Amino acid sequence: MLLKLYLDNCCYNRPFDDLKHEKINLEAEAINNIINMFENKKIIIYKSKIIDYEISKMMSGDKKRQVEDLYDALELKNIPYNDNIDIRVEELEKYNIHFMDAYHIAYAESKNIDYFITVDKQLINASQKANLKLVVLNPIDFIMEVI
């Protein structure tokens, strides 16, 4: 059975960030490896309307177009909304997980996703205190764990 992943918006942005910084460059490489695994049908990546919304709210410009092109080219499986998502968001916010991040996690949990991938250190730390039904990891840590 293939691993199911959910990448938050920052992951789709990372390959287009300033790659001169070593950590950012390593994260971008890890995300590119994850995308290659998806394209080679070794994992499944899901999306939600929350990612669609966040990408639509990015400032116009080259980076937004690059992110949109990458995201659209992947043809990810969509996670449908259900009422339990709003309930779960309220629970997650009690663990200092920000509103939009809580929605990402709630969508991912509703589809029994195995790994939630993010470069947001604060979210990773907050998620360790919450009783999650998935594992939240930085893309570098995910690659190290899976390979």
Protein backbone atom coordinates (compact mmCIF):
# COMPACT_ATOMS: atom_id res chain seq x y z
CA MET A 1 0.00 0.00 0.00
CA LEU A 2 1.34 3.43 -0.96
CA LEU A 3 2.04 6.07 1.65
CA LYS A 4 -0.41 8.98 1.59
CA LEU A 5 1.01 12.48 2.01
CA TYR A 6 -0.36 15.98 2.36
CA LEU A 7 2.01 18.88 1.73
CA ASP A 8 1.08 22.26 3.11
CA ASN A 9 1.35 25.41 1.02
CA CYS A 10 4.88 26.27 2.16
CA CYS A 11 6.11 23.05 0.53
CA TYR A 12 4.87 24.12 -2.90
CA ASN A 13 6.61 27.47 -2.36
CA ARG A 14 9.94 26.13 -1.08
CA PRO A 15 11.51 25.21 -4.47
CA PHE A 16 11.05 28.86 -5.50
CA ASP A 17 12.48 30.45 -2.34
CA ASP A 18 16.03 31.82 -2.00
CA LEU A 19 18.05 28.62 -2.33
CA LYS A 20 21.31 30.28 -1.23
CA HIS A 21 20.43 29.38 2.37
CA GLU A 22 21.56 25.81 3.06
CA LYS A 23 18.46 24.70 5.01
CA ILE A 24 16.08 26.14 2.43
CA ASN A 25 18.06 24.48 -0.35
CA LEU A 26 17.99 21.09 1.42
CA GLU A 27 14.24 21.40 2.03
CA ALA A 28 13.68 22.28 -1.63
CA GLU A 29 15.69 19.22 -2.68
CA ALA A 30 13.68 17.03 -0.31
CA ILE A 31 10.42 18.39 -1.72
CA ASN A 32 11.65 17.75 -5.25
CA ASN A 33 12.44 14.17 -4.18
CA ILE A 34 8.92 13.82 -2.77
CA ILE A 35 7.45 15.12 -6.02
CA ASN A 36 9.60 12.63 -7.97
CA MET A 37 8.32 9.82 -5.73
CA PHE A 38 4.77 10.96 -6.51
CA GLU A 39 5.42 11.14 -10.26
CA ASN A 40 6.93 7.64 -10.12
CA LYS A 41 3.80 6.41 -8.29
CA LYS A 42 5.68 5.49 -5.11
CA ILE A 43 3.46 7.70 -2.91
CA ILE A 44 0.11 9.47 -3.19
CA ILE A 45 -0.19 13.20 -2.48
CA TYR A 46 -3.53 14.75 -1.59
CA LYS A 47 -4.70 18.36 -1.62
CA SER A 48 -7.59 20.36 -0.18
CA LYS A 49 -9.44 23.54 -0.97
CA ILE A 50 -7.38 25.21 1.77
CA ILE A 51 -4.21 24.90 -0.34
CA ASP A 52 -6.12 26.17 -3.38
CA TYR A 53 -7.24 29.17 -1.29
CA GLU A 54 -3.77 29.93 0.07
CA ILE A 55 -2.17 29.79 -3.36
CA SER A 56 -4.88 32.08 -4.76
CA LYS A 57 -4.08 34.64 -2.02
CA MET A 58 -0.36 34.81 -2.84
CA MET A 59 0.86 38.14 -4.12
CA SER A 60 0.89 38.27 -7.90
CA GLY A 61 4.23 37.75 -9.56
CA ASP A 62 6.67 35.21 -10.90
CA LYS A 63 6.74 33.12 -7.72
CA LYS A 64 2.95 32.80 -7.65
CA ARG A 65 2.93 31.67 -11.28
CA GLN A 66 5.70 29.15 -10.58
CA VAL A 67 3.85 27.74 -7.57
CA GLU A 68 0.57 27.56 -9.52
CA ASP A 69 2.29 25.82 -12.43
CA LEU A 70 3.91 23.23 -10.14
CA TYR A 71 0.74 22.64 -8.14
CA ASP A 72 -1.51 22.37 -11.20
CA ALA A 73 0.89 20.04 -13.04
CA LEU A 74 0.81 17.50 -10.21
CA GLU A 75 -2.91 16.71 -10.59
CA LEU A 76 -3.27 15.77 -6.93
CA LYS A 77 -6.18 13.89 -5.43
CA ASN A 78 -8.65 16.21 -3.69
CA ILE A 79 -9.91 15.64 -0.16
CA PRO A 80 -13.60 16.55 0.04
CA TYR A 81 -14.98 18.72 2.82
CA ASN A 82 -17.12 17.23 5.58
CA ASP A 83 -18.60 18.71 8.78
CA ASN A 84 -16.16 16.84 11.02
CA ILE A 85 -13.35 18.99 9.65
CA ASP A 86 -14.68 22.14 11.38
CA ILE A 87 -15.06 20.24 14.65
CA ARG A 88 -11.49 18.95 14.41
CA VAL A 89 -10.16 22.44 13.65
CA GLU A 90 -11.60 23.71 16.95
CA GLU A 91 -9.89 20.85 18.80
CA LEU A 92 -6.54 21.48 17.10
CA GLU A 93 -6.57 25.20 17.86
CA LYS A 94 -6.48 24.32 21.57
CA TYR A 95 -2.91 23.09 20.95
CA ASN A 96 -1.81 26.46 19.55
CA ILE A 97 -2.09 25.22 15.98
CA HIS A 98 -2.98 28.22 13.84
CA PHE A 99 -6.38 28.32 12.16
CA MET A 100 -5.26 27.60 8.57
CA ASP A 101 -2.76 24.96 9.70
CA ALA A 102 -5.52 23.31 11.73
CA TYR A 103 -7.62 23.14 8.58
CA HIS A 104 -4.77 21.52 6.66
CA ILE A 105 -4.35 18.88 9.37
CA ALA A 106 -8.09 18.31 9.74
CA TYR A 107 -8.46 17.72 6.01
CA ALA A 108 -5.46 15.38 6.02
CA GLU A 109 -6.74 13.42 9.00
CA SER A 110 -10.16 13.06 7.38
CA LYS A 111 -8.50 11.09 4.56
CA ASN A 112 -6.28 9.01 6.88
CA ILE A 113 -3.11 10.60 5.52
CA ASP A 114 0.10 9.02 6.82
CA TYR A 115 2.40 12.07 6.70
CA PHE A 116 1.77 15.80 6.79
CA ILE A 117 4.80 17.57 5.33
CA THR A 118 5.68 21.16 6.26
CA VAL A 119 8.70 23.42 6.64
CA ASP A 120 6.91 25.32 9.43
CA LYS A 121 8.94 24.56 12.59
CA GLN A 122 6.32 26.13 14.85
CA LEU A 123 3.62 23.85 13.40
CA ILE A 124 5.84 20.79 13.80
CA ASN A 125 6.44 21.67 17.46
CA ALA A 126 2.76 22.40 18.19
CA SER A 127 1.67 19.19 16.48
CA GLN A 128 3.82 17.11 18.83
CA LYS A 129 1.59 18.16 21.71
CA ALA A 130 -1.65 17.36 19.89
CA ASN A 131 -3.15 13.90 19.58
CA LEU A 132 -2.85 13.61 15.80
CA LYS A 133 -3.81 10.72 13.55
CA LEU A 134 -0.82 11.38 11.28
CA VAL A 135 2.86 12.25 11.51
CA VAL A 136 3.96 15.84 10.92
CA LEU A 137 7.48 16.14 9.52
CA ASN A 138 9.83 18.48 7.77
CA PRO A 139 10.47 17.21 4.19
CA ILE A 140 14.12 16.44 5.02
CA ASP A 141 13.07 14.29 7.97
CA PHE A 142 10.46 12.55 5.83
CA ILE A 143 13.04 11.63 3.18
CA MET A 144 15.42 10.37 5.86
CA GLU A 145 12.67 8.29 7.47
CA VAL A 146 11.29 6.79 4.27
CA ILE A 147 14.49 6.04 2.35
